[in-house]
PDB file of N, CA and C in Angstrom:
ATOM      1  N   MET A   1     126.127  34.250 119.405  1.00  0.00           N
ATOM      2  CA  MET A   1     126.483  35.406 118.581  1.00  0.00           C
ATOM      3  C   MET A   1     127.727  35.089 117.759  1.00  0.00           C
ATOM      4  N   LEU A   2     127.734  35.548 116.523  1.00  0.00           N
ATOM      5  CA  LEU A   2     128.876  35.313 115.648  1.00  0.00           C
ATOM      6  C   LEU A   2     129.931  36.394 115.858  1.00  0.00           C
ATOM      7  N   THR A   3     131.193  35.992 115.826  1.00  0.00           N
ATOM      8  CA  THR A   3     132.280  36.965 115.913  1.00  0.00           C
ATOM      9  C   THR A   3     132.510  37.584 114.539  1.00  0.00           C
ATOM     10  N   GLY A   4     133.281  38.665 114.495  1.00  0.00           N
ATOM     11  CA  GLY A   4     133.609  39.304 113.222  1.00  0.00           C
ATOM     12  C   GLY A   4     134.344  38.361 112.288  1.00  0.00           C
ATOM     13  N   LYS A   5     135.244  37.569 112.862  1.00  0.00           N
ATOM     14  CA  LYS A   5     136.012  36.614 112.055  1.00  0.00           C
ATOM     15  C   LYS A   5     135.081  35.564 111.434  1.00  0.00           C
ATOM     16  N   GLN A   6     134.110  35.088 112.220  1.00  0.00           N
ATOM     17  CA  GLN A   6     133.165  34.091 111.710  1.00  0.00           C
ATOM     18  C   GLN A   6     132.288  34.696 110.616  1.00  0.00           C
ATOM     19  N   LYS A   7     131.852  35.946 110.800  1.00  0.00           N
ATOM     20  CA  LYS A   7     131.032  36.610 109.771  1.00  0.00           C
ATOM     21  C   LYS A   7     131.815  36.776 108.475  1.00  0.00           C
ATOM     22  N   ARG A   8     133.081  37.173 108.585  1.00  0.00           N
ATOM     23  CA  ARG A   8     133.910  37.313 107.377  1.00  0.00           C
ATOM     24  C   ARG A   8     134.039  35.980 106.657  1.00  0.00           C
ATOM     25  N   PHE A   9     134.263  34.913 107.420  1.00  0.00           N
ATOM     26  CA  PHE A   9     134.379  33.575 106.845  1.00  0.00           C
ATOM     27  C   PHE A   9     133.086  33.194 106.112  1.00  0.00           C
ATOM     28  N   LEU A  10     131.936  33.416 106.770  1.00  0.00           N
ATOM     29  CA  LEU A  10     130.648  33.058 106.167  1.00  0.00           C
ATOM     30  C   LEU A  10     130.355  33.905 104.932  1.00  0.00           C
ATOM     31  N   ARG A  11     130.729  35.185 104.954  1.00  0.00           N
ATOM     32  CA  ARG A  11     130.529  36.036 103.766  1.00  0.00           C
ATOM     33  C   ARG A  11     131.336  35.505 102.594  1.00  0.00           C
ATOM     34  N   SER A  12     132.570  35.072 102.863  1.00  0.00           N
ATOM     35  CA  SER A  12     133.399  34.532 101.776  1.00  0.00           C
ATOM     36  C   SER A  12     132.822  33.227 101.249  1.00  0.00           C
ATOM     37  N   GLU A  13     132.254  32.401 102.144  1.00  0.00           N
ATOM     38  CA  GLU A  13     131.626  31.144 101.721  1.00  0.00           C
ATOM     39  C   GLU A  13     130.363  31.409 100.899  1.00  0.00           C
ATOM     40  N   ALA A  14     129.639  32.480 101.219  1.00  0.00           N
ATOM     41  CA  ALA A  14     128.370  32.780 100.551  1.00  0.00           C
ATOM     42  C   ALA A  14     128.558  33.527  99.240  1.00  0.00           C
ATOM     43  N   HIS A  15     129.760  34.012  98.988  1.00  0.00           N
ATOM     44  CA  HIS A  15     129.998  34.869  97.831  1.00  0.00           C
ATOM     45  C   HIS A  15     129.509  34.251  96.519  1.00  0.00           C
ATOM     46  N   HIS A  16     129.772  32.991  96.303  1.00  0.00           N
ATOM     47  CA  HIS A  16     129.441  32.341  95.027  1.00  0.00           C
ATOM     48  C   HIS A  16     128.000  31.808  94.980  1.00  0.00           C
ATOM     49  N   LEU A  17     127.265  31.880  96.091  1.00  0.00           N
ATOM     50  CA  LEU A  17     125.909  31.323  96.129  1.00  0.00           C
ATOM     51  C   LEU A  17     124.919  32.218  95.395  1.00  0.00           C
ATOM     52  N   GLN A  18     123.910  31.586  94.812  1.00  0.00           N
ATOM     53  CA  GLN A  18     122.795  32.319  94.219  1.00  0.00           C
ATOM     54  C   GLN A  18     121.673  32.379  95.245  1.00  0.00           C
ATOM     55  N   PRO A  19     120.859  33.457  95.232  1.00  0.00           N
ATOM     56  CA  PRO A  19     119.735  33.513  96.177  1.00  0.00           C
ATOM     57  C   PRO A  19     118.761  32.356  95.955  1.00  0.00           C
ATOM     58  N   LEU A  20     118.360  31.695  97.048  1.00  0.00           N
ATOM     59  CA  LEU A  20     117.426  30.568  96.967  1.00  0.00           C
ATOM     60  C   LEU A  20     115.974  31.028  97.027  1.00  0.00           C
ATOM     61  N   PHE A  21     115.732  32.129  97.739  1.00  0.00           N
ATOM     62  CA  PHE A  21     114.361  32.601  97.931  1.00  0.00           C
ATOM     63  C   PHE A  21     114.250  34.052  97.539  1.00  0.00           C
ATOM     64  N   GLN A  22     113.027  34.419  97.123  1.00  0.00           N
ATOM     65  CA  GLN A  22     112.720  35.807  96.856  1.00  0.00           C
ATOM     66  C   GLN A  22     111.537  36.189  97.725  1.00  0.00           C
ATOM     67  N   ILE A  23     111.675  37.308  98.425  1.00  0.00           N
ATOM     68  CA  ILE A  23     110.574  37.804  99.243  1.00  0.00           C
ATOM     69  C   ILE A  23     109.950  38.955  98.475  1.00  0.00           C
ATOM     70  N   GLY A  24     108.669  38.794  98.105  1.00  0.00           N
ATOM     71  CA  GLY A  24     107.996  39.773  97.258  1.00  0.00           C
ATOM     72  C   GLY A  24     106.958  40.580  97.994  1.00  0.00           C
ATOM     73  N   LYS A  25     105.873  40.900  97.295  1.00  0.00           N
ATOM     74  CA  LYS A  25     104.893  41.835  97.842  1.00  0.00           C
ATOM     75  C   LYS A  25     104.133  41.297  99.049  1.00  0.00           C
ATOM     76  N   LEU A  26     104.095  39.974  99.234  1.00  0.00           N
ATOM     77  CA  LEU A  26     103.427  39.421 100.415  1.00  0.00           C
ATOM     78  C   LEU A  26     104.290  39.550 101.670  1.00  0.00           C
ATOM     79  N   GLY A  27     105.559  39.855 101.489  1.00  0.00           N
ATOM     80  CA  GLY A  27     106.449  40.013 102.631  1.00  0.00           C
ATOM     81  C   GLY A  27     106.882  38.674 103.203  1.00  0.00           C
ATOM     82  N   LEU A  28     107.245  38.704 104.458  1.00  0.00           N
ATOM     83  CA  LEU A  28     107.764  37.519 105.135  1.00  0.00           C
ATOM     84  C   LEU A  28     106.604  36.757 105.776  1.00  0.00           C
ATOM     85  N   THR A  29     106.113  35.727 105.077  1.00  0.00           N
ATOM     86  CA  THR A  29     104.994  34.936 105.591  1.00  0.00           C
ATOM     87  C   THR A  29     105.518  33.736 106.370  1.00  0.00           C
ATOM     88  N   ASP A  30     104.630  33.092 107.115  1.00  0.00           N
ATOM     89  CA  ASP A  30     105.024  31.915 107.898  1.00  0.00           C
ATOM     90  C   ASP A  30     105.546  30.799 107.002  1.00  0.00           C
ATOM     91  N   SER A  31     104.931  30.635 105.826  1.00  0.00           N
ATOM     92  CA  SER A  31     105.370  29.562 104.926  1.00  0.00           C
ATOM     93  C   SER A  31     106.769  29.850 104.380  1.00  0.00           C
ATOM     94  N   VAL A  32     107.068  31.116 104.104  1.00  0.00           N
ATOM     95  CA  VAL A  32     108.411  31.476 103.629  1.00  0.00           C
ATOM     96  C   VAL A  32     109.435  31.215 104.737  1.00  0.00           C
ATOM     97  N   ILE A  33     109.094  31.580 105.982  1.00  0.00           N
ATOM     98  CA  ILE A  33     109.997  31.332 107.111  1.00  0.00           C
ATOM     99  C   ILE A  33     110.261  29.830 107.259  1.00  0.00           C
ATOM    100  N   ALA A  34     109.202  29.031 107.130  1.00  0.00           N
ATOM    101  CA  ALA A  34     109.359  27.573 107.245  1.00  0.00           C
ATOM    102  C   ALA A  34     110.270  27.036 106.143  1.00  0.00           C
ATOM    103  N   GLN A  35     110.093  27.526 104.919  1.00  0.00           N
ATOM    104  CA  GLN A  35     110.931  27.075 103.802  1.00  0.00           C
ATOM    105  C   GLN A  35     112.388  27.493 104.005  1.00  0.00           C
ATOM    106  N   ILE A  36     112.591  28.712 104.507  1.00  0.00           N
ATOM    107  CA  ILE A  36     113.953  29.197 104.769  1.00  0.00           C
ATOM    108  C   ILE A  36     114.621  28.318 105.821  1.00  0.00           C
ATOM    109  N   GLU A  37     113.880  27.982 106.880  1.00  0.00           N
ATOM    110  CA  GLU A  37     114.472  27.144 107.934  1.00  0.00           C
ATOM    111  C   GLU A  37     114.796  25.740 107.432  1.00  0.00           C
ATOM    112  N   GLU A  38     113.935  25.182 106.557  1.00  0.00           N
ATOM    113  CA  GLU A  38     114.232  23.871 105.958  1.00  0.00           C
ATOM    114  C   GLU A  38     115.499  23.938 105.119  1.00  0.00           C
ATOM    115  N   ALA A  39     115.618  24.992 104.316  1.00  0.00           N
ATOM    116  CA  ALA A  39     116.798  25.144 103.460  1.00  0.00           C
ATOM    117  C   ALA A  39     118.056  25.324 104.300  1.00  0.00           C
ATOM    118  N   LEU A  40     117.946  26.066 105.406  1.00  0.00           N
ATOM    119  CA  LEU A  40     119.095  26.258 106.286  1.00  0.00           C
ATOM    120  C   LEU A  40     119.513  24.954 106.951  1.00  0.00           C
ATOM    121  N   GLU A  41     118.539  24.106 107.280  1.00  0.00           N
ATOM    122  CA  GLU A  41     118.871  22.802 107.870  1.00  0.00           C
ATOM    123  C   GLU A  41     119.649  21.960 106.855  1.00  0.00           C
ATOM    124  N   ALA A  42     119.283  22.080 105.584  1.00  0.00           N
ATOM    125  CA  ALA A  42     119.954  21.298 104.541  1.00  0.00           C
ATOM    126  C   ALA A  42     121.305  21.892 104.144  1.00  0.00           C
ATOM    127  N   ARG A  43     121.407  23.233 104.110  1.00  0.00           N
ATOM    128  CA  ARG A  43     122.607  23.869 103.556  1.00  0.00           C
ATOM    129  C   ARG A  43     123.422  24.689 104.546  1.00  0.00           C
ATOM    130  N   GLU A  44     122.823  25.142 105.610  1.00  0.00           N
ATOM    131  CA  GLU A  44     123.433  25.981 106.648  1.00  0.00           C
ATOM    132  C   GLU A  44     123.632  27.442 106.242  1.00  0.00           C
ATOM    133  N   LEU A  45     123.933  27.712 104.982  1.00  0.00           N
ATOM    134  CA  LEU A  45     124.217  29.080 104.543  1.00  0.00           C
ATOM    135  C   LEU A  45     123.447  29.346 103.253  1.00  0.00           C
ATOM    136  N   ILE A  46     122.583  30.366 103.256  1.00  0.00           N
ATOM    137  CA  ILE A  46     121.806  30.681 102.055  1.00  0.00           C
ATOM    138  C   ILE A  46     121.728  32.194 101.867  1.00  0.00           C
ATOM    139  N   LYS A  47     121.356  32.569 100.635  1.00  0.00           N
ATOM    140  CA  LYS A  47     121.069  33.966 100.326  1.00  0.00           C
ATOM    141  C   LYS A  47     119.578  34.086 100.042  1.00  0.00           C
ATOM    142  N   VAL A  48     119.008  35.235 100.439  1.00  0.00           N
ATOM    143  CA  VAL A  48     117.602  35.531 100.181  1.00  0.00           C
ATOM    144  C   VAL A  48     117.544  36.889  99.505  1.00  0.00           C
ATOM    145  N   ASN A  49     116.804  36.963  98.392  1.00  0.00           N
ATOM    146  CA  ASN A  49     116.653  38.197  97.632  1.00  0.00           C
ATOM    147  C   ASN A  49     115.349  38.881  98.039  1.00  0.00           C
ATOM    148  N   ILE A  50     115.415  40.158  98.358  1.00  0.00           N
ATOM    149  CA  ILE A  50     114.207  40.923  98.674  1.00  0.00           C
ATOM    150  C   ILE A  50     113.874  41.765  97.452  1.00  0.00           C
ATOM    151  N   LEU A  51     112.709  41.517  96.875  1.00  0.00           N
ATOM    152  CA  LEU A  51     112.324  42.189  95.637  1.00  0.00           C
ATOM    153  C   LEU A  51     111.912  43.634  95.882  1.00  0.00           C
ATOM    154  N   GLN A  52     111.923  44.411  94.803  1.00  0.00           N
ATOM    155  CA  GLN A  52     111.572  45.837  94.891  1.00  0.00           C
ATOM    156  C   GLN A  52     110.146  46.063  95.388  1.00  0.00           C
ATOM    157  N   ASN A  53     109.231  45.150  95.024  1.00  0.00           N
ATOM    158  CA  ASN A  53     107.819  45.349  95.375  1.00  0.00           C
ATOM    159  C   ASN A  53     107.469  44.847  96.775  1.00  0.00           C
ATOM    160  N   CYS A  54     108.468  44.479  97.550  1.00  0.00           N
ATOM    161  CA  CYS A  54     108.220  44.007  98.917  1.00  0.00           C
ATOM    162  C   CYS A  54     107.787  45.183  99.786  1.00  0.00           C
ATOM    163  N   GLY A  55     106.680  45.007 100.509  1.00  0.00           N
ATOM    164  CA  GLY A  55     106.149  46.073 101.345  1.00  0.00           C
ATOM    165  C   GLY A  55     106.939  46.297 102.621  1.00  0.00           C
ATOM    166  N   GLU A  56     107.689  45.292 103.058  1.00  0.00           N
ATOM    167  CA  GLU A  56     108.443  45.400 104.305  1.00  0.00           C
ATOM    168  C   GLU A  56     109.873  45.890 104.032  1.00  0.00           C
ATOM    169  N   ASP A  57     110.432  46.568 104.999  1.00  0.00           N
ATOM    170  CA  ASP A  57     111.805  47.041 104.906  1.00  0.00           C
ATOM    171  C   ASP A  57     112.759  45.865 105.112  1.00  0.00           C
ATOM    172  N   LYS A  58     113.878  45.879 104.406  1.00  0.00           N
ATOM    173  CA  LYS A  58     114.827  44.757 104.519  1.00  0.00           C
ATOM    174  C   LYS A  58     115.371  44.612 105.938  1.00  0.00           C
ATOM    175  N   LYS A  59     115.512  45.728 106.659  1.00  0.00           N
ATOM    176  CA  LYS A  59     115.994  45.648 108.043  1.00  0.00           C
ATOM    177  C   LYS A  59     114.963  44.982 108.942  1.00  0.00           C
ATOM    178  N   GLU A  60     113.665  45.259 108.695  1.00  0.00           N
ATOM    179  CA  GLU A  60     112.597  44.608 109.470  1.00  0.00           C
ATOM    180  C   GLU A  60     112.612  43.106 109.228  1.00  0.00           C
ATOM    181  N   ILE A  61     112.772  42.714 107.972  1.00  0.00           N
ATOM    182  CA  ILE A  61     112.816  41.288 107.622  1.00  0.00           C
ATOM    183  C   ILE A  61     114.019  40.623 108.304  1.00  0.00           C
ATOM    184  N   ALA A  62     115.169  41.287 108.256  1.00  0.00           N
ATOM    185  CA  ALA A  62     116.377  40.741 108.886  1.00  0.00           C
ATOM    186  C   ALA A  62     116.162  40.577 110.388  1.00  0.00           C
ATOM    187  N   GLU A  63     115.515  41.561 111.034  1.00  0.00           N
ATOM    188  CA  GLU A  63     115.266  41.474 112.477  1.00  0.00           C
ATOM    189  C   GLU A  63     114.315  40.330 112.807  1.00  0.00           C
ATOM    190  N   LYS A  64     113.261  40.166 111.998  1.00  0.00           N
ATOM    191  CA  LYS A  64     112.310  39.067 112.240  1.00  0.00           C
ATOM    192  C   LYS A  64     113.001  37.714 112.126  1.00  0.00           C
ATOM    193  N   LEU A  65     113.851  37.579 111.113  1.00  0.00           N
ATOM    194  CA  LEU A  65     114.562  36.311 110.933  1.00  0.00           C
ATOM    195  C   LEU A  65     115.586  36.090 112.048  1.00  0.00           C
ATOM    196  N   ALA A  66     116.246  37.155 112.489  1.00  0.00           N
ATOM    197  CA  ALA A  66     117.259  37.030 113.542  1.00  0.00           C
ATOM    198  C   ALA A  66     116.640  36.622 114.875  1.00  0.00           C
ATOM    199  N   GLU A  67     115.332  36.866 115.040  1.00  0.00           N
ATOM    200  CA  GLU A  67     114.651  36.465 116.272  1.00  0.00           C
ATOM    201  C   GLU A  67     114.469  34.953 116.353  1.00  0.00           C
ATOM    202  N   ARG A  68     114.555  34.268 115.217  1.00  0.00           N
ATOM    203  CA  ARG A  68     114.409  32.816 115.211  1.00  0.00           C
ATOM    204  C   ARG A  68     115.578  32.197 115.972  1.00  0.00           C
ATOM    205  N   ASN A  69     115.324  31.084 116.617  1.00  0.00           N
ATOM    206  CA  ASN A  69     116.331  30.446 117.463  1.00  0.00           C
ATOM    207  C   ASN A  69     117.503  29.912 116.635  1.00  0.00           C
ATOM    208  N   GLY A  70     118.701  30.419 116.897  1.00  0.00           N
ATOM    209  CA  GLY A  70     119.904  29.903 116.243  1.00  0.00           C
ATOM    210  C   GLY A  70     120.140  30.414 114.837  1.00  0.00           C
ATOM    211  N   LEU A  71     119.269  31.285 114.331  1.00  0.00           N
ATOM    212  CA  LEU A  71     119.415  31.801 112.966  1.00  0.00           C
ATOM    213  C   LEU A  71     120.147  33.143 113.035  1.00  0.00           C
ATOM    214  N   TYR A  72     121.170  33.289 112.222  1.00  0.00           N
ATOM    215  CA  TYR A  72     121.962  34.512 112.210  1.00  0.00           C
ATOM    216  C   TYR A  72     121.876  35.190 110.852  1.00  0.00           C
ATOM    217  N   VAL A  73     121.696  36.507 110.859  1.00  0.00           N
ATOM    218  CA  VAL A  73     121.796  37.304 109.642  1.00  0.00           C
ATOM    219  C   VAL A  73     123.256  37.721 109.556  1.00  0.00           C
ATOM    220  N   VAL A  74     123.981  37.123 108.613  1.00  0.00           N
ATOM    221  CA  VAL A  74     125.408  37.385 108.484  1.00  0.00           C
ATOM    222  C   VAL A  74     125.629  38.773 107.890  1.00  0.00           C
ATOM    223  N   GLN A  75     124.841  39.108 106.847  1.00  0.00           N
ATOM    224  CA  GLN A  75     125.037  40.387 106.187  1.00  0.00           C
ATOM    225  C   GLN A  75     123.775  40.778 105.431  1.00  0.00           C
ATOM    226  N   VAL A  76     123.521  42.080 105.385  1.00  0.00           N
ATOM    227  CA  VAL A  76     122.492  42.642 104.513  1.00  0.00           C
ATOM    228  C   VAL A  76     123.242  43.547 103.557  1.00  0.00           C
ATOM    229  N   ILE A  77     123.272  43.156 102.289  1.00  0.00           N
ATOM    230  CA  ILE A  77     123.990  43.966 101.303  1.00  0.00           C
ATOM    231  C   ILE A  77     123.055  44.190 100.119  1.00  0.00           C
ATOM    232  N   GLY A  78     122.732  45.447  99.875  1.00  0.00           N
ATOM    233  CA  GLY A  78     121.736  45.754  98.849  1.00  0.00           C
ATOM    234  C   GLY A  78     120.410  45.142  99.256  1.00  0.00           C
ATOM    235  N   ASN A  79     119.819  44.359  98.386  1.00  0.00           N
ATOM    236  CA  ASN A  79     118.561  43.668  98.697  1.00  0.00           C
ATOM    237  C   ASN A  79     118.779  42.182  98.954  1.00  0.00           C
ATOM    238  N   ILE A  80     119.985  41.815  99.319  1.00  0.00           N
ATOM    239  CA  ILE A  80     120.326  40.414  99.570  1.00  0.00           C
ATOM    240  C   ILE A  80     120.627  40.219 101.057  1.00  0.00           C
ATOM    241  N   LEU A  81     120.020  39.183 101.631  1.00  0.00           N
ATOM    242  CA  LEU A  81     120.336  38.787 103.005  1.00  0.00           C
ATOM    243  C   LEU A  81     121.157  37.506 102.944  1.00  0.00           C
ATOM    244  N   ILE A  82     122.202  37.422 103.742  1.00  0.00           N
ATOM    245  CA  ILE A  82     122.953  36.176 103.887  1.00  0.00           C
ATOM    246  C   ILE A  82     122.598  35.620 105.262  1.00  0.00           C
ATOM    247  N   LEU A  83     122.049  34.396 105.271  1.00  0.00           N
ATOM    248  CA  LEU A  83     121.571  33.786 106.509  1.00  0.00           C
ATOM    249  C   LEU A  83     122.372  32.532 106.827  1.00  0.00           C
ATOM    250  N   TYR A  84     122.618  32.319 108.124  1.00  0.00           N
ATOM    251  CA  TYR A  84     123.342  31.130 108.574  1.00  0.00           C
ATOM    252  C   TYR A  84     122.623  30.533 109.777  1.00  0.00           C
ATOM    253  N   LYS A  85     122.506  29.222 109.763  1.00  0.00           N
ATOM    254  CA  LYS A  85     122.007  28.503 110.932  1.00  0.00           C
ATOM    255  C   LYS A  85     122.716  27.157 110.963  1.00  0.00           C
ATOM    256  N   GLU A  86     123.319  26.837 112.097  1.00  0.00           N
ATOM    257  CA  GLU A  86     124.029  25.568 112.222  1.00  0.00           C
ATOM    258  C   GLU A  86     123.045  24.418 112.105  1.00  0.00           C
ATOM    259  N   SER A  87     123.363  23.472 111.239  1.00  0.00           N
ATOM    260  CA  SER A  87     122.494  22.326 111.001  1.00  0.00           C
ATOM    261  C   SER A  87     122.634  21.299 112.118  1.00  0.00           C
ATOM    262  N   VAL A  88     121.518  20.671 112.465  1.00  0.00           N
ATOM    263  CA  VAL A  88     121.534  19.659 113.514  1.00  0.00           C
ATOM    264  C   VAL A  88     122.060  18.335 112.952  1.00  0.00           C
ATOM    265  N   GLU A  89     121.542  17.928 111.787  1.00  0.00           N
ATOM    266  CA  GLU A  89     121.869  16.621 111.233  1.00  0.00           C
ATOM    267  C   GLU A  89     122.838  16.658 110.061  1.00  0.00           C
ATOM    268  N   ASN A  90     123.001  17.806 109.434  1.00  0.00           N
ATOM    269  CA  ASN A  90     123.733  17.881 108.170  1.00  0.00           C
ATOM    270  C   ASN A  90     124.847  18.920 108.264  1.00  0.00           C
ATOM    271  N   LYS A  91     125.701  18.807 109.266  1.00  0.00           N
ATOM    272  CA  LYS A  91     126.751  19.820 109.511  1.00  0.00           C
ATOM    273  C   LYS A  91     127.775  19.807 108.395  1.00  0.00           C
ATOM    274  N   GLN A  92     127.953  20.978 107.736  1.00  0.00           N
ATOM    275  CA  GLN A  92     128.893  21.083 106.630  1.00  0.00           C
ATOM    276  C   GLN A  92     129.961  22.147 106.860  1.00  0.00           C
ATOM    277  N   ILE A  93     129.599  23.218 107.565  1.00  0.00           N
ATOM    278  CA  ILE A  93     130.491  24.355 107.734  1.00  0.00           C
ATOM    279  C   ILE A  93     131.083  24.342 109.143  1.00  0.00           C
ATOM    280  N   THR A  94     132.405  24.421 109.219  1.00  0.00           N
ATOM    281  CA  THR A  94     133.074  24.526 110.515  1.00  0.00           C
ATOM    282  C   THR A  94     133.567  25.952 110.654  1.00  0.00           C
ATOM    283  N   LEU A  95     133.017  26.658 111.637  1.00  0.00           N
ATOM    284  CA  LEU A  95     133.394  28.056 111.844  1.00  0.00           C
ATOM    285  C   LEU A  95     134.770  28.162 112.475  1.00  0.00           C
ATOM    286  N   PRO A  96     135.528  29.193 112.075  1.00  0.00           N
ATOM    287  CA  PRO A  96     136.863  29.383 112.679  1.00  0.00           C
ATOM    288  C   PRO A  96     136.769  29.813 114.134  1.00  0.00           C
TER     289      PRO A  96
END
């Protein structure tokens, strides 16, 4: 579990990032989850944009992603999710 201090740090690190993925009307599919996990392994911290036409609620999507092993939803702000997962081979971010 991330502490408040770690979440604040990750939010500040994610501030300048552009969303890498968009979740649209098909919702959160297995292929999208796989792509998100690959991107997290490479970058550790990403943003995901949930489009207006998405049939699933953003909180449901955040909960599904948070169930993944080691994946943390740092923040849900508007239609943007900030996701963090510590990389096994490509460690870049050192949490306070």
